[in-house]
Amino acid sequence: MQPAPVDKDAQRLYLRKQAGLWLKKKREEAGLTQRDLAAILDLKIYTFVSQVESGNGRLPFDRYSEWARALKIDEYDFAAKALSYYEPALFELVLSGSPRKPDFDI
């Protein structure tokens, strides 16, 4: 894996793309198509899954639990991983000193 870019905007885009790759991998491991996942999540626009996986969109915080359940991932671990991509400063602030360490091998 290449190191993340230094420029803040470039770093944000890089992390979103990495999040998308992770989510796509998890969706495929769960045996779901993008349409399947969109249906499980009751998304009105199924292409939202594609937008997230390509790094052009991001998951809303209030939907983390639903995505975790749909992908059969522990909700805490899912939220921690998603935060590490979408809100790395918040991740460090909240979770770096947490007694429970997230499982990043998910």
PDB file of N, CA and C in Angstrom:
ATOM      1  N   MET A   1       0.840  -1.173   0.000  1.00  0.00           N
ATOM      2  CA  MET A   1       0.000   0.000   0.000  1.00  0.00           C
ATOM      3  C   MET A   1       0.888   1.241   0.000  1.00  0.00           C
ATOM      4  N   GLN A   2       0.510   2.223  -0.799  1.00  0.00           N
ATOM      5  CA  GLN A   2       1.265   3.461  -0.867  1.00  0.00           C
ATOM      6  C   GLN A   2       0.902   4.365   0.303  1.00  0.00           C
ATOM      7  N   PRO A   3       1.847   5.201   0.751  1.00  0.00           N
ATOM      8  CA  PRO A   3       1.529   6.123   1.841  1.00  0.00           C
ATOM      9  C   PRO A   3       0.489   7.149   1.403  1.00  0.00           C
ATOM     10  N   ALA A   4      -0.296   7.618   2.365  1.00  0.00           N
ATOM     11  CA  ALA A   4      -1.326   8.607   2.080  1.00  0.00           C
ATOM     12  C   ALA A   4      -0.692   9.949   1.710  1.00  0.00           C
ATOM     13  N   PRO A   5      -1.304  10.699   0.795  1.00  0.00           N
ATOM     14  CA  PRO A   5      -0.786  12.013   0.430  1.00  0.00           C
ATOM     15  C   PRO A   5      -0.792  12.974   1.619  1.00  0.00           C
ATOM     16  N   VAL A   6       0.044  14.018   1.543  1.00  0.00           N
ATOM     17  CA  VAL A   6       0.177  14.978   2.632  1.00  0.00           C
ATOM     18  C   VAL A   6      -0.900  16.056   2.565  1.00  0.00           C
ATOM     19  N   ASP A   7      -1.239  16.526   1.387  1.00  0.00           N
ATOM     20  CA  ASP A   7      -2.253  17.557   1.207  1.00  0.00           C
ATOM     21  C   ASP A   7      -3.574  17.089   1.832  1.00  0.00           C
ATOM     22  N   LYS A   8      -4.223  17.960   2.611  1.00  0.00           N
ATOM     23  CA  LYS A   8      -5.442  17.579   3.349  1.00  0.00           C
ATOM     24  C   LYS A   8      -6.560  17.084   2.426  1.00  0.00           C
ATOM     25  N   ASP A   9      -6.822  17.799   1.351  1.00  0.00           N
ATOM     26  CA  ASP A   9      -7.881  17.370   0.433  1.00  0.00           C
ATOM     27  C   ASP A   9      -7.511  16.055  -0.244  1.00  0.00           C
ATOM     28  N   ALA A  10      -6.266  15.953  -0.651  1.00  0.00           N
ATOM     29  CA  ALA A  10      -5.816  14.713  -1.289  1.00  0.00           C
ATOM     30  C   ALA A  10      -5.881  13.558  -0.293  1.00  0.00           C
ATOM     31  N   GLN A  11      -5.525  13.825   0.952  1.00  0.00           N
ATOM     32  CA  GLN A  11      -5.574  12.781   1.976  1.00  0.00           C
ATOM     33  C   GLN A  11      -7.019  12.333   2.221  1.00  0.00           C
ATOM     34  N   ARG A  12      -7.938  13.288   2.281  1.00  0.00           N
ATOM     35  CA  ARG A  12      -9.353  12.965   2.485  1.00  0.00           C
ATOM     36  C   ARG A  12      -9.870  12.090   1.345  1.00  0.00           C
ATOM     37  N   LEU A  13      -9.547  12.457   0.110  1.00  0.00           N
ATOM     38  CA  LEU A  13      -9.982  11.669  -1.046  1.00  0.00           C
ATOM     39  C   LEU A  13      -9.338  10.284  -1.052  1.00  0.00           C
ATOM     40  N   TYR A  14      -8.069  10.232  -0.687  1.00  0.00           N
ATOM     41  CA  TYR A  14      -7.370   8.947  -0.606  1.00  0.00           C
ATOM     42  C   TYR A  14      -8.056   8.025   0.403  1.00  0.00           C
ATOM     43  N   LEU A  15      -8.365   8.574   1.579  1.00  0.00           N
ATOM     44  CA  LEU A  15      -9.007   7.763   2.620  1.00  0.00           C
ATOM     45  C   LEU A  15     -10.399   7.319   2.200  1.00  0.00           C
ATOM     46  N   ARG A  16     -11.141   8.173   1.507  1.00  0.00           N
ATOM     47  CA  ARG A  16     -12.471   7.779   1.019  1.00  0.00           C
ATOM     48  C   ARG A  16     -12.365   6.629   0.024  1.00  0.00           C
ATOM     49  N   LYS A  17     -11.372   6.699  -0.845  1.00  0.00           N
ATOM     50  CA  LYS A  17     -11.181   5.608  -1.811  1.00  0.00           C
ATOM     51  C   LYS A  17     -10.809   4.316  -1.086  1.00  0.00           C
ATOM     52  N   GLN A  18      -9.972   4.416  -0.053  1.00  0.00           N
ATOM     53  CA  GLN A  18      -9.596   3.239   0.728  1.00  0.00           C
ATOM     54  C   GLN A  18     -10.826   2.669   1.440  1.00  0.00           C
ATOM     55  N   ALA A  19     -11.667   3.548   1.976  1.00  0.00           N
ATOM     56  CA  ALA A  19     -12.907   3.101   2.622  1.00  0.00           C
ATOM     57  C   ALA A  19     -13.782   2.366   1.614  1.00  0.00           C
ATOM     58  N   GLY A  20     -13.886   2.912   0.415  1.00  0.00           N
ATOM     59  CA  GLY A  20     -14.689   2.281  -0.629  1.00  0.00           C
ATOM     60  C   GLY A  20     -14.180   0.899  -0.998  1.00  0.00           C
ATOM     61  N   LEU A  21     -12.863   0.770  -1.096  1.00  0.00           N
ATOM     62  CA  LEU A  21     -12.282  -0.538  -1.400  1.00  0.00           C
ATOM     63  C   LEU A  21     -12.576  -1.539  -0.297  1.00  0.00           C
ATOM     64  N   TRP A  22     -12.464  -1.090   0.948  1.00  0.00           N
ATOM     65  CA  TRP A  22     -12.761  -1.955   2.101  1.00  0.00           C
ATOM     66  C   TRP A  22     -14.224  -2.386   2.078  1.00  0.00           C
ATOM     67  N   LEU A  23     -15.132  -1.430   1.862  1.00  0.00           N
ATOM     68  CA  LEU A  23     -16.561  -1.757   1.851  1.00  0.00           C
ATOM     69  C   LEU A  23     -16.909  -2.705   0.699  1.00  0.00           C
ATOM     70  N   LYS A  24     -16.307  -2.483  -0.458  1.00  0.00           N
ATOM     71  CA  LYS A  24     -16.562  -3.371  -1.591  1.00  0.00           C
ATOM     72  C   LYS A  24     -16.101  -4.787  -1.262  1.00  0.00           C
ATOM     73  N   LYS A  25     -14.926  -4.898  -0.668  1.00  0.00           N
ATOM     74  CA  LYS A  25     -14.403  -6.211  -0.287  1.00  0.00           C
ATOM     75  C   LYS A  25     -15.357  -6.905   0.688  1.00  0.00           C
ATOM     76  N   LYS A  26     -15.839  -6.169   1.683  1.00  0.00           N
ATOM     77  CA  LYS A  26     -16.743  -6.743   2.679  1.00  0.00           C
ATOM     78  C   LYS A  26     -18.077  -7.141   2.049  1.00  0.00           C
ATOM     79  N   ARG A  27     -18.564  -6.326   1.119  1.00  0.00           N
ATOM     80  CA  ARG A  27     -19.817  -6.662   0.438  1.00  0.00           C
ATOM     81  C   ARG A  27     -19.641  -7.949  -0.362  1.00  0.00           C
ATOM     82  N   GLU A  28     -18.539  -8.034  -1.087  1.00  0.00           N
ATOM     83  CA  GLU A  28     -18.290  -9.232  -1.884  1.00  0.00           C
ATOM     84  C   GLU A  28     -18.108 -10.457  -0.992  1.00  0.00           C
ATOM     85  N   GLU A  29     -17.409 -10.299   0.131  1.00  0.00           N
ATOM     86  CA  GLU A  29     -17.239 -11.414   1.070  1.00  0.00           C
ATOM     87  C   GLU A  29     -18.579 -11.876   1.634  1.00  0.00           C
ATOM     88  N   ALA A  30     -19.524 -10.942   1.759  1.00  0.00           N
ATOM     89  CA  ALA A  30     -20.860 -11.285   2.251  1.00  0.00           C
ATOM     90  C   ALA A  30     -21.720 -11.903   1.150  1.00  0.00           C
ATOM     91  N   GLY A  31     -21.182 -11.966  -0.066  1.00  0.00           N
ATOM     92  CA  GLY A  31     -21.915 -12.567  -1.174  1.00  0.00           C
ATOM     93  C   GLY A  31     -23.043 -11.706  -1.704  1.00  0.00           C
ATOM     94  N   LEU A  32     -22.900 -10.393  -1.581  1.00  0.00           N
ATOM     95  CA  LEU A  32     -23.951  -9.468  -1.987  1.00  0.00           C
ATOM     96  C   LEU A  32     -23.537  -8.658  -3.204  1.00  0.00           C
ATOM     97  N   THR A  33     -24.499  -8.391  -4.072  1.00  0.00           N
ATOM     98  CA  THR A  33     -24.276  -7.430  -5.147  1.00  0.00           C
ATOM     99  C   THR A  33     -24.579  -6.044  -4.583  1.00  0.00           C
ATOM    100  N   GLN A  34     -24.245  -5.024  -5.354  1.00  0.00           N
ATOM    101  CA  GLN A  34     -24.587  -3.665  -4.919  1.00  0.00           C
ATOM    102  C   GLN A  34     -26.099  -3.508  -4.793  1.00  0.00           C
ATOM    103  N   ARG A  35     -26.830  -4.095  -5.712  1.00  0.00           N
ATOM    104  CA  ARG A  35     -28.305  -4.022  -5.645  1.00  0.00           C
ATOM    105  C   ARG A  35     -28.835  -4.764  -4.419  1.00  0.00           C
ATOM    106  N   ASP A  36     -28.235  -5.924  -4.112  1.00  0.00           N
ATOM    107  CA  ASP A  36     -28.650  -6.679  -2.918  1.00  0.00           C
ATOM    108  C   ASP A  36     -28.477  -5.828  -1.669  1.00  0.00           C
ATOM    109  N   LEU A  37     -27.301  -5.233  -1.539  1.00  0.00           N
ATOM    110  CA  LEU A  37     -27.009  -4.423  -0.361  1.00  0.00           C
ATOM    111  C   LEU A  37     -27.947  -3.225  -0.287  1.00  0.00           C
ATOM    112  N   ALA A  38     -28.173  -2.583  -1.410  1.00  0.00           N
ATOM    113  CA  ALA A  38     -29.091  -1.437  -1.434  1.00  0.00           C
ATOM    114  C   ALA A  38     -30.494  -1.852  -0.995  1.00  0.00           C
ATOM    115  N   ALA A  39     -30.925  -3.034  -1.426  1.00  0.00           N
ATOM    116  CA  ALA A  39     -32.252  -3.517  -1.039  1.00  0.00           C
ATOM    117  C   ALA A  39     -32.312  -3.803   0.458  1.00  0.00           C
ATOM    118  N   ILE A  40     -31.278  -4.445   0.995  1.00  0.00           N
ATOM    119  CA  ILE A  40     -31.232  -4.731   2.440  1.00  0.00           C
ATOM    120  C   ILE A  40     -31.280  -3.431   3.238  1.00  0.00           C
ATOM    121  N   LEU A  41     -30.576  -2.417   2.736  1.00  0.00           N
ATOM    122  CA  LEU A  41     -30.496  -1.136   3.443  1.00  0.00           C
ATOM    123  C   LEU A  41     -31.670  -0.217   3.118  1.00  0.00           C
ATOM    124  N   ASP A  42     -32.560  -0.679   2.261  1.00  0.00           N
ATOM    125  CA  ASP A  42     -33.733   0.095   1.847  1.00  0.00           C
ATOM    126  C   ASP A  42     -33.329   1.453   1.271  1.00  0.00           C
ATOM    127  N   LEU A  43     -32.310   1.421   0.411  1.00  0.00           N
ATOM    128  CA  LEU A  43     -31.860   2.646  -0.241  1.00  0.00           C
ATOM    129  C   LEU A  43     -32.729   2.910  -1.460  1.00  0.00           C
ATOM    130  N   LYS A  44     -33.203   4.116  -1.601  1.00  0.00           N
ATOM    131  CA  LYS A  44     -34.051   4.465  -2.733  1.00  0.00           C
ATOM    132  C   LYS A  44     -33.238   4.525  -4.032  1.00  0.00           C
ATOM    133  N   ILE A  45     -31.972   4.911  -3.901  1.00  0.00           N
ATOM    134  CA  ILE A  45     -31.085   4.998  -5.055  1.00  0.00           C
ATOM    135  C   ILE A  45     -29.990   3.947  -4.874  1.00  0.00           C
ATOM    136  N   TYR A  46     -30.098   2.825  -5.592  1.00  0.00           N
ATOM    137  CA  TYR A  46     -29.147   1.731  -5.394  1.00  0.00           C
ATOM    138  C   TYR A  46     -27.726   2.118  -5.780  1.00  0.00           C
ATOM    139  N   THR A  47     -27.580   3.119  -6.644  1.00  0.00           N
ATOM    140  CA  THR A  47     -26.235   3.511  -7.065  1.00  0.00           C
ATOM    141  C   THR A  47     -25.457   4.190  -5.937  1.00  0.00           C
ATOM    142  N   PHE A  48     -26.118   4.483  -4.820  1.00  0.00           N
ATOM    143  CA  PHE A  48     -25.400   5.056  -3.674  1.00  0.00           C
ATOM    144  C   PHE A  48     -24.297   4.098  -3.221  1.00  0.00           C
ATOM    145  N   VAL A  49     -24.553   2.805  -3.268  1.00  0.00           N
ATOM    146  CA  VAL A  49     -23.535   1.819  -2.884  1.00  0.00           C
ATOM    147  C   VAL A  49     -22.319   1.969  -3.794  1.00  0.00           C
ATOM    148  N   SER A  50     -22.553   2.125  -5.085  1.00  0.00           N
ATOM    149  CA  SER A  50     -21.464   2.323  -6.038  1.00  0.00           C
ATOM    150  C   SER A  50     -20.695   3.605  -5.738  1.00  0.00           C
ATOM    151  N   GLN A  51     -21.410   4.670  -5.412  1.00  0.00           N
ATOM    152  CA  GLN A  51     -20.765   5.945  -5.103  1.00  0.00           C
ATOM    153  C   GLN A  51     -19.859   5.819  -3.880  1.00  0.00           C
ATOM    154  N   VAL A  52     -20.323   5.116  -2.864  1.00  0.00           N
ATOM    155  CA  VAL A  52     -19.528   4.921  -1.652  1.00  0.00           C
ATOM    156  C   VAL A  52     -18.307   4.059  -1.966  1.00  0.00           C
ATOM    157  N   GLU A  53     -18.513   2.983  -2.699  1.00  0.00           N
ATOM    158  CA  GLU A  53     -17.412   2.076  -3.015  1.00  0.00           C
ATOM    159  C   GLU A  53     -16.355   2.721  -3.909  1.00  0.00           C
ATOM    160  N   SER A  54     -16.741   3.694  -4.699  1.00  0.00           N
ATOM    161  CA  SER A  54     -15.781   4.368  -5.574  1.00  0.00           C
ATOM    162  C   SER A  54     -15.088   5.540  -4.868  1.00  0.00           C
ATOM    163  N   GLY A  55     -15.541   5.854  -3.661  1.00  0.00           N
ATOM    164  CA  GLY A  55     -14.957   6.975  -2.924  1.00  0.00           C
ATOM    165  C   GLY A  55     -15.612   8.303  -3.232  1.00  0.00           C
ATOM    166  N   ASN A  56     -16.673   8.291  -4.032  1.00  0.00           N
ATOM    167  CA  ASN A  56     -17.371   9.527  -4.375  1.00  0.00           C
ATOM    168  C   ASN A  56     -18.477   9.879  -3.390  1.00  0.00           C
ATOM    169  N   GLY A  57     -18.743   8.997  -2.459  1.00  0.00           N
ATOM    170  CA  GLY A  57     -19.733   9.239  -1.420  1.00  0.00           C
ATOM    171  C   GLY A  57     -19.189   8.705  -0.109  1.00  0.00           C
ATOM    172  N   ARG A  58     -19.902   8.971   0.958  1.00  0.00           N
ATOM    173  CA  ARG A  58     -19.483   8.458   2.259  1.00  0.00           C
ATOM    174  C   ARG A  58     -20.695   7.982   3.029  1.00  0.00           C
ATOM    175  N   LEU A  59     -20.443   7.107   3.960  1.00  0.00           N
ATOM    176  CA  LEU A  59     -21.538   6.576   4.764  1.00  0.00           C
ATOM    177  C   LEU A  59     -21.976   7.602   5.793  1.00  0.00           C
ATOM    178  N   PRO A  60     -23.267   7.796   5.936  1.00  0.00           N
ATOM    179  CA  PRO A  60     -23.761   8.660   7.014  1.00  0.00           C
ATOM    180  C   PRO A  60     -23.565   7.951   8.363  1.00  0.00           C
ATOM    181  N   PHE A  61     -23.146   8.702   9.375  1.00  0.00           N
ATOM    182  CA  PHE A  61     -22.916   8.120  10.700  1.00  0.00           C
ATOM    183  C   PHE A  61     -24.115   7.321  11.194  1.00  0.00           C
ATOM    184  N   ASP A  62     -25.298   7.856  10.960  1.00  0.00           N
ATOM    185  CA  ASP A  62     -26.496   7.217  11.512  1.00  0.00           C
ATOM    186  C   ASP A  62     -26.867   5.905  10.821  1.00  0.00           C
ATOM    187  N   ARG A  63     -26.122   5.514   9.799  1.00  0.00           N
ATOM    188  CA  ARG A  63     -26.401   4.254   9.105  1.00  0.00           C
ATOM    189  C   ARG A  63     -25.324   3.204   9.331  1.00  0.00           C
ATOM    190  N   TYR A  64     -24.300   3.511  10.127  1.00  0.00           N
ATOM    191  CA  TYR A  64     -23.205   2.557  10.357  1.00  0.00           C
ATOM    192  C   TYR A  64     -23.722   1.203  10.852  1.00  0.00           C
ATOM    193  N   SER A  65     -24.631   1.215  11.813  1.00  0.00           N
ATOM    194  CA  SER A  65     -25.138  -0.048  12.372  1.00  0.00           C
ATOM    195  C   SER A  65     -25.824  -0.886  11.308  1.00  0.00           C
ATOM    196  N   GLU A  66     -26.621  -0.245  10.475  1.00  0.00           N
ATOM    197  CA  GLU A  66     -27.332  -0.975   9.418  1.00  0.00           C
ATOM    198  C   GLU A  66     -26.353  -1.606   8.430  1.00  0.00           C
ATOM    199  N   TRP A  67     -25.337  -0.849   8.034  1.00  0.00           N
ATOM    200  CA  TRP A  67     -24.338  -1.385   7.109  1.00  0.00           C
ATOM    201  C   TRP A  67     -23.586  -2.536   7.766  1.00  0.00           C
ATOM    202  N   ALA A  68     -23.229  -2.369   9.023  1.00  0.00           N
ATOM    203  CA  ALA A  68     -22.500  -3.431   9.735  1.00  0.00           C
ATOM    204  C   ALA A  68     -23.322  -4.713   9.757  1.00  0.00           C
ATOM    205  N   ARG A  69     -24.591  -4.608  10.112  1.00  0.00           N
ATOM    206  CA  ARG A  69     -25.442  -5.798  10.163  1.00  0.00           C
ATOM    207  C   ARG A  69     -25.604  -6.419   8.781  1.00  0.00           C
ATOM    208  N   ALA A  70     -25.802  -5.586   7.768  1.00  0.00           N
ATOM    209  CA  ALA A  70     -25.975  -6.094   6.409  1.00  0.00           C
ATOM    210  C   ALA A  70     -24.725  -6.836   5.928  1.00  0.00           C
ATOM    211  N   LEU A  71     -23.556  -6.354   6.353  1.00  0.00           N
ATOM    212  CA  LEU A  71     -22.293  -6.969   5.933  1.00  0.00           C
ATOM    213  C   LEU A  71     -21.792  -8.016   6.924  1.00  0.00           C
ATOM    214  N   LYS A  72     -22.588  -8.242   7.982  1.00  0.00           N
ATOM    215  CA  LYS A  72     -22.257  -9.246   9.010  1.00  0.00           C
ATOM    216  C   LYS A  72     -20.911  -8.966   9.682  1.00  0.00           C
ATOM    217  N   ILE A  73     -20.758  -7.689  10.106  1.00  0.00           N
ATOM    218  CA  ILE A  73     -19.554  -7.231  10.799  1.00  0.00           C
ATOM    219  C   ILE A  73     -19.983  -6.686  12.153  1.00  0.00           C
ATOM    220  N   ASP A  74     -19.201  -6.961  13.176  1.00  0.00           N
ATOM    221  CA  ASP A  74     -19.456  -6.402  14.502  1.00  0.00           C
ATOM    222  C   ASP A  74     -19.627  -4.884  14.372  1.00  0.00           C
ATOM    223  N   GLU A  75     -20.678  -4.347  14.973  1.00  0.00           N
ATOM    224  CA  GLU A  75     -20.994  -2.929  14.823  1.00  0.00           C
ATOM    225  C   GLU A  75     -19.892  -2.014  15.351  1.00  0.00           C
ATOM    226  N   TYR A  76     -19.302  -2.363  16.481  1.00  0.00           N
ATOM    227  CA  TYR A  76     -18.212  -1.548  17.043  1.00  0.00           C
ATOM    228  C   TYR A  76     -17.023  -1.533  16.090  1.00  0.00           C
ATOM    229  N   ASP A  77     -16.635  -2.703  15.618  1.00  0.00           N
ATOM    230  CA  ASP A  77     -15.490  -2.786  14.720  1.00  0.00           C
ATOM    231  C   ASP A  77     -15.763  -2.059  13.406  1.00  0.00           C
ATOM    232  N   PHE A  78     -16.989  -2.195  12.908  1.00  0.00           N
ATOM    233  CA  PHE A  78     -17.355  -1.502  11.674  1.00  0.00           C
ATOM    234  C   PHE A  78     -17.258   0.005  11.862  1.00  0.00           C
ATOM    235  N   ALA A  79     -17.850   0.504  12.943  1.00  0.00           N
ATOM    236  CA  ALA A  79     -17.843   1.948  13.192  1.00  0.00           C
ATOM    237  C   ALA A  79     -16.422   2.470  13.372  1.00  0.00           C
ATOM    238  N   ALA A  80     -15.599   1.725  14.086  1.00  0.00           N
ATOM    239  CA  ALA A  80     -14.215   2.147  14.293  1.00  0.00           C
ATOM    240  C   ALA A  80     -13.475   2.215  12.961  1.00  0.00           C
ATOM    241  N   LYS A  81     -13.631   1.191  12.136  1.00  0.00           N
ATOM    242  CA  LYS A  81     -12.951   1.163  10.841  1.00  0.00           C
ATOM    243  C   LYS A  81     -13.448   2.307   9.959  1.00  0.00           C
ATOM    244  N   ALA A  82     -14.764   2.505   9.902  1.00  0.00           N
ATOM    245  CA  ALA A  82     -15.323   3.583   9.082  1.00  0.00           C
ATOM    246  C   ALA A  82     -14.820   4.947   9.569  1.00  0.00           C
ATOM    247  N   LEU A  83     -14.810   5.147  10.879  1.00  0.00           N
ATOM    248  CA  LEU A  83     -14.296   6.414  11.411  1.00  0.00           C
ATOM    249  C   LEU A  83     -12.833   6.622  11.061  1.00  0.00           C
ATOM    250  N   SER A  84     -12.046   5.559  11.065  1.00  0.00           N
ATOM    251  CA  SER A  84     -10.624   5.702  10.749  1.00  0.00           C
ATOM    252  C   SER A  84     -10.433   6.221   9.318  1.00  0.00           C
ATOM    253  N   TYR A  85     -11.371   5.931   8.445  1.00  0.00           N
ATOM    254  CA  TYR A  85     -11.307   6.427   7.069  1.00  0.00           C
ATOM    255  C   TYR A  85     -11.960   7.798   6.916  1.00  0.00           C
ATOM    256  N   TYR A  86     -13.181   7.939   7.431  1.00  0.00           N
ATOM    257  CA  TYR A  86     -13.955   9.151   7.178  1.00  0.00           C
ATOM    258  C   TYR A  86     -13.660  10.293   8.146  1.00  0.00           C
ATOM    259  N   GLU A  87     -13.304   9.973   9.356  1.00  0.00           N
ATOM    260  CA  GLU A  87     -13.026  10.988  10.372  1.00  0.00           C
ATOM    261  C   GLU A  87     -11.810  10.576  11.195  1.00  0.00           C
ATOM    262  N   PRO A  88     -10.621  10.564  10.579  1.00  0.00           N
ATOM    263  CA  PRO A  88      -9.436  10.057  11.284  1.00  0.00           C
ATOM    264  C   PRO A  88      -9.094  10.826  12.558  1.00  0.00           C
ATOM    265  N   ALA A  89      -9.326  12.125  12.588  1.00  0.00           N
ATOM    266  CA  ALA A  89      -9.024  12.903  13.798  1.00  0.00           C
ATOM    267  C   ALA A  89      -9.972  12.496  14.930  1.00  0.00           C
ATOM    268  N   LEU A  90     -11.239  12.301  14.623  1.00  0.00           N
ATOM    269  CA  LEU A  90     -12.209  11.854  15.621  1.00  0.00           C
ATOM    270  C   LEU A  90     -11.881  10.437  16.084  1.00  0.00           C
ATOM    271  N   PHE A  91     -11.487   9.592  15.163  1.00  0.00           N
ATOM    272  CA  PHE A  91     -11.082   8.236  15.503  1.00  0.00           C
ATOM    273  C   PHE A  91      -9.953   8.269  16.532  1.00  0.00           C
ATOM    274  N   GLU A  92      -8.927   9.056  16.262  1.00  0.00           N
ATOM    275  CA  GLU A  92      -7.788   9.150  17.182  1.00  0.00           C
ATOM    276  C   GLU A  92      -8.216   9.693  18.536  1.00  0.00           C
ATOM    277  N   LEU A  93      -9.036  10.723  18.523  1.00  0.00           N
ATOM    278  CA  LEU A  93      -9.476  11.358  19.761  1.00  0.00           C
ATOM    279  C   LEU A  93     -10.309  10.422  20.623  1.00  0.00           C
ATOM    280  N   VAL A  94     -11.242   9.719  20.009  1.00  0.00           N
ATOM    281  CA  VAL A  94     -12.201   8.908  20.756  1.00  0.00           C
ATOM    282  C   VAL A  94     -11.716   7.482  20.993  1.00  0.00           C
ATOM    283  N   LEU A  95     -11.121   6.872  19.995  1.00  0.00           N
ATOM    284  CA  LEU A  95     -10.844   5.447  20.085  1.00  0.00           C
ATOM    285  C   LEU A  95      -9.397   5.078  20.381  1.00  0.00           C
ATOM    286  N   SER A  96      -8.473   5.998  20.210  1.00  0.00           N
ATOM    287  CA  SER A  96      -7.075   5.606  20.418  1.00  0.00           C
ATOM    288  C   SER A  96      -6.790   5.245  21.871  1.00  0.00           C
ATOM    289  N   GLY A  97      -7.510   5.836  22.816  1.00  0.00           N
ATOM    290  CA  GLY A  97      -7.308   5.509  24.225  1.00  0.00           C
ATOM    291  C   GLY A  97      -8.372   4.582  24.788  1.00  0.00           C
ATOM    292  N   SER A  98      -9.218   4.041  23.912  1.00  0.00           N
ATOM    293  CA  SER A  98     -10.315   3.179  24.354  1.00  0.00           C
ATOM    294  C   SER A  98      -9.790   1.865  24.921  1.00  0.00           C
ATOM    295  N   PRO A  99     -10.427   1.358  25.995  1.00  0.00           N
ATOM    296  CA  PRO A  99     -10.005   0.071  26.541  1.00  0.00           C
ATOM    297  C   PRO A  99     -10.242  -1.079  25.559  1.00  0.00           C
ATOM    298  N   ARG A 100     -11.219  -0.935  24.700  1.00  0.00           N
ATOM    299  CA  ARG A 100     -11.466  -1.954  23.674  1.00  0.00           C
ATOM    300  C   ARG A 100     -10.818  -1.485  22.385  1.00  0.00           C
ATOM    301  N   LYS A 101      -9.932  -2.257  21.879  1.00  0.00           N
ATOM    302  CA  LYS A 101      -9.286  -1.914  20.615  1.00  0.00           C
ATOM    303  C   LYS A 101     -10.082  -2.521  19.465  1.00  0.00           C
ATOM    304  N   PRO A 102     -10.326  -1.734  18.430  1.00  0.00           N
ATOM    305  CA  PRO A 102     -11.074  -2.269  17.301  1.00  0.00           C
ATOM    306  C   PRO A 102     -10.300  -3.368  16.593  1.00  0.00           C
ATOM    307  N   ASP A 103     -11.035  -4.288  16.014  1.00  0.00           N
ATOM    308  CA  ASP A 103     -10.440  -5.383  15.244  1.00  0.00           C
ATOM    309  C   ASP A 103     -10.349  -4.925  13.797  1.00  0.00           C
ATOM    310  N   PHE A 104      -9.153  -4.531  13.368  1.00  0.00           N
ATOM    311  CA  PHE A 104      -8.990  -4.032  12.011  1.00  0.00           C
ATOM    312  C   PHE A 104      -8.730  -5.134  11.009  1.00  0.00           C
ATOM    313  N   ASP A 105      -8.792  -6.364  11.439  1.00  0.00           N
ATOM    314  CA  ASP A 105      -8.642  -7.468  10.515  1.00  0.00           C
ATOM    315  C   ASP A 105      -9.982  -7.883   9.924  1.00  0.00           C
ATOM    316  N   ILE A 106     -11.020  -7.070  10.178  1.00  0.00           N
ATOM    317  CA  ILE A 106     -12.345  -7.406   9.650  1.00  0.00           C
ATOM    318  C   ILE A 106     -12.385  -7.180   8.164  1.00  0.00           C
TER     319      ILE A 106
END
